[in-house]
């Protein structure tokens, strides 16, 4: 099943997961700005990812550079 077919409510129902949204676990997290390299990569690759519009394309051209930046 494609990732785009999943919803949080479906996953919660299927697996009996309960979420606790009463706490803001990221309240003390300081935002950071993306590197110039990530900004350049996304500026270049987002139009192509949007034009092809498949989950594989989004994974390779959008998600992977972000994961590499976080790493």
N, C-alpha and C. Protein backbone atom coordinates (compact mmCIF):
# COMPACT_ATOMS: atom_id res chain seq x y z
N UNK A 1 0.85 -1.18 0.00
CA UNK A 1 0.00 0.00 0.00
C UNK A 1 0.89 1.24 0.00
N UNK A 2 0.53 2.20 -0.79
CA UNK A 2 1.31 3.43 -0.89
C UNK A 2 1.21 4.23 0.40
N UNK A 3 2.29 4.92 0.72
CA UNK A 3 2.32 5.74 1.94
C UNK A 3 1.19 6.75 1.94
N UNK A 4 0.87 7.30 0.78
CA UNK A 4 -0.16 8.34 0.70
C UNK A 4 -1.55 7.81 1.07
N UNK A 5 -1.72 6.49 1.11
CA UNK A 5 -3.00 5.91 1.49
C UNK A 5 -3.16 5.75 3.00
N UNK A 6 -2.08 5.93 3.74
CA UNK A 6 -2.14 5.81 5.20
C UNK A 6 -2.60 7.12 5.82
N UNK A 7 -3.35 7.00 6.89
CA UNK A 7 -3.71 8.16 7.70
C UNK A 7 -3.39 7.81 9.15
N UNK A 8 -3.17 8.83 9.95
CA UNK A 8 -2.88 8.59 11.37
C UNK A 8 -4.06 7.88 12.03
N UNK A 9 -5.27 8.30 11.72
CA UNK A 9 -6.43 7.67 12.36
C UNK A 9 -6.55 6.19 11.97
N UNK A 10 -6.22 5.84 10.73
CA UNK A 10 -6.27 4.43 10.31
C UNK A 10 -5.20 3.61 11.03
N UNK A 11 -3.99 4.14 11.12
CA UNK A 11 -2.92 3.43 11.80
C UNK A 11 -3.26 3.24 13.28
N UNK A 12 -3.80 4.29 13.91
CA UNK A 12 -4.18 4.19 15.32
C UNK A 12 -5.25 3.12 15.52
N UNK A 13 -6.22 3.07 14.63
CA UNK A 13 -7.29 2.08 14.75
C UNK A 13 -6.77 0.67 14.48
N UNK A 14 -5.99 0.51 13.42
CA UNK A 14 -5.50 -0.82 13.04
C UNK A 14 -4.56 -1.43 14.09
N UNK A 15 -3.75 -0.60 14.72
CA UNK A 15 -2.75 -1.12 15.65
C UNK A 15 -3.05 -0.82 17.12
N UNK A 16 -4.20 -0.22 17.40
CA UNK A 16 -4.56 0.07 18.78
C UNK A 16 -3.64 1.08 19.44
N UNK A 17 -3.16 2.03 18.66
CA UNK A 17 -2.22 3.03 19.18
C UNK A 17 -3.00 4.20 19.78
N UNK A 18 -2.53 4.67 20.91
CA UNK A 18 -3.11 5.84 21.56
C UNK A 18 -2.06 6.94 21.57
N UNK A 19 -2.44 8.12 21.18
CA UNK A 19 -1.50 9.24 21.18
C UNK A 19 -1.83 10.19 22.33
N UNK A 20 -0.78 10.82 22.84
CA UNK A 20 -0.93 11.81 23.91
C UNK A 20 -0.50 13.15 23.35
N UNK A 21 -1.49 13.98 23.05
CA UNK A 21 -1.20 15.28 22.46
C UNK A 21 -1.33 16.42 23.48
N UNK A 22 -1.28 16.06 24.76
CA UNK A 22 -1.39 17.08 25.80
C UNK A 22 -0.06 17.71 26.15
N UNK A 23 1.04 17.09 25.71
CA UNK A 23 2.36 17.61 26.02
C UNK A 23 3.04 18.10 24.75
N UNK A 24 3.70 19.22 24.85
CA UNK A 24 4.46 19.74 23.72
C UNK A 24 5.92 19.36 23.93
N UNK A 25 6.30 18.19 23.42
CA UNK A 25 7.64 17.68 23.69
C UNK A 25 8.73 18.48 22.98
N UNK A 26 8.35 19.30 22.03
CA UNK A 26 9.34 20.10 21.31
C UNK A 26 9.32 21.57 21.72
N UNK A 27 8.67 21.89 22.83
CA UNK A 27 8.53 23.27 23.27
C UNK A 27 9.88 23.95 23.50
N UNK A 28 10.84 23.19 23.99
CA UNK A 28 12.15 23.76 24.31
C UNK A 28 13.17 23.63 23.17
N UNK A 29 12.73 23.11 22.03
CA UNK A 29 13.63 22.91 20.91
C UNK A 29 13.85 24.22 20.16
N UNK A 30 15.09 24.53 19.94
CA UNK A 30 15.43 25.76 19.22
C UNK A 30 15.42 25.48 17.72
N UNK A 31 14.65 26.24 16.96
CA UNK A 31 14.63 26.03 15.50
C UNK A 31 16.00 26.33 14.90
N UNK A 32 16.34 25.61 13.86
CA UNK A 32 17.56 25.88 13.13
C UNK A 32 17.21 26.11 11.66
N UNK A 33 18.05 26.84 10.99
CA UNK A 33 17.82 27.12 9.57
C UNK A 33 18.54 26.07 8.74
N UNK A 34 17.95 25.70 7.61
CA UNK A 34 18.63 24.72 6.74
C UNK A 34 19.92 25.31 6.19
N UNK A 35 20.85 24.44 5.88
CA UNK A 35 22.11 24.89 5.31
C UNK A 35 21.87 25.46 3.92
N UNK A 36 22.83 26.22 3.46
CA UNK A 36 22.74 26.76 2.10
C UNK A 36 22.69 25.63 1.08
N UNK A 37 23.43 24.55 1.34
CA UNK A 37 23.44 23.42 0.42
C UNK A 37 22.05 22.78 0.32
N UNK A 38 21.40 22.54 1.46
CA UNK A 38 20.06 21.95 1.42
C UNK A 38 19.09 22.88 0.69
N UNK A 39 19.15 24.15 0.98
CA UNK A 39 18.28 25.10 0.29
C UNK A 39 18.48 25.06 -1.21
N UNK A 40 19.74 24.99 -1.64
CA UNK A 40 20.05 24.93 -3.06
C UNK A 40 19.54 23.63 -3.68
N UNK A 41 19.77 22.51 -3.00
CA UNK A 41 19.31 21.21 -3.51
C UNK A 41 17.79 21.21 -3.67
N UNK A 42 17.07 21.65 -2.65
CA UNK A 42 15.61 21.64 -2.71
C UNK A 42 15.09 22.61 -3.77
N UNK A 43 15.73 23.75 -3.89
CA UNK A 43 15.32 24.72 -4.92
C UNK A 43 15.44 24.10 -6.30
N UNK A 44 16.49 23.32 -6.50
CA UNK A 44 16.73 22.69 -7.78
C UNK A 44 15.82 21.49 -8.02
N UNK A 45 15.57 20.69 -6.98
CA UNK A 45 14.91 19.41 -7.16
C UNK A 45 13.40 19.43 -6.93
N UNK A 46 12.87 20.41 -6.20
CA UNK A 46 11.43 20.44 -5.95
C UNK A 46 10.59 20.53 -7.22
N UNK A 47 10.97 21.38 -8.18
CA UNK A 47 10.17 21.42 -9.41
C UNK A 47 10.12 20.08 -10.13
N UNK A 48 11.24 19.38 -10.18
CA UNK A 48 11.28 18.07 -10.82
C UNK A 48 10.43 17.06 -10.05
N UNK A 49 10.55 17.07 -8.73
CA UNK A 49 9.75 16.15 -7.90
C UNK A 49 8.27 16.42 -8.08
N UNK A 50 7.90 17.67 -8.20
CA UNK A 50 6.49 18.02 -8.42
C UNK A 50 6.00 17.63 -9.80
N UNK A 51 6.88 17.73 -10.78
CA UNK A 51 6.50 17.39 -12.15
C UNK A 51 6.31 15.89 -12.32
N UNK A 52 7.18 15.10 -11.70
CA UNK A 52 7.09 13.64 -11.83
C UNK A 52 5.99 13.10 -10.90
N UNK A 53 5.92 13.65 -9.70
CA UNK A 53 4.83 13.39 -8.75
C UNK A 53 4.59 11.91 -8.44
N UNK A 54 5.66 11.21 -8.06
CA UNK A 54 5.51 9.85 -7.55
C UNK A 54 6.14 9.82 -6.16
N UNK A 55 5.75 8.85 -5.36
CA UNK A 55 6.32 8.75 -4.02
C UNK A 55 7.81 8.45 -4.08
N UNK A 56 8.24 7.67 -5.03
CA UNK A 56 9.66 7.36 -5.18
C UNK A 56 10.44 8.64 -5.48
N UNK A 57 9.91 9.47 -6.35
CA UNK A 57 10.57 10.74 -6.68
C UNK A 57 10.67 11.63 -5.46
N UNK A 58 9.58 11.75 -4.72
CA UNK A 58 9.61 12.57 -3.51
C UNK A 58 10.63 12.03 -2.53
N UNK A 59 10.68 10.72 -2.39
CA UNK A 59 11.63 10.10 -1.48
C UNK A 59 13.06 10.43 -1.87
N UNK A 60 13.38 10.26 -3.13
CA UNK A 60 14.75 10.46 -3.60
C UNK A 60 15.14 11.93 -3.68
N UNK A 61 14.27 12.78 -4.18
CA UNK A 61 14.64 14.16 -4.46
C UNK A 61 14.32 15.14 -3.33
N UNK A 62 13.40 14.79 -2.44
CA UNK A 62 13.01 15.73 -1.38
C UNK A 62 13.37 15.18 0.00
N UNK A 63 12.89 14.00 0.32
CA UNK A 63 13.05 13.47 1.67
C UNK A 63 14.51 13.13 1.98
N UNK A 64 15.19 12.47 1.05
CA UNK A 64 16.57 12.05 1.32
C UNK A 64 17.50 13.22 1.61
N UNK A 65 17.46 14.31 0.86
CA UNK A 65 18.34 15.44 1.22
C UNK A 65 18.04 16.01 2.61
N UNK A 66 16.78 15.99 3.00
CA UNK A 66 16.42 16.49 4.33
C UNK A 66 16.96 15.55 5.40
N UNK A 67 16.83 14.24 5.18
CA UNK A 67 17.36 13.28 6.15
C UNK A 67 18.87 13.41 6.27
N UNK A 68 19.54 13.63 5.16
CA UNK A 68 21.00 13.81 5.20
C UNK A 68 21.36 15.08 5.98
N UNK A 69 20.58 16.10 5.84
CA UNK A 69 20.82 17.35 6.57
C UNK A 69 20.65 17.12 8.08
N UNK A 70 19.61 16.40 8.45
CA UNK A 70 19.34 16.13 9.86
C UNK A 70 20.46 15.29 10.46
N UNK A 71 20.95 14.34 9.67
CA UNK A 71 22.03 13.48 10.13
C UNK A 71 23.25 14.30 10.51
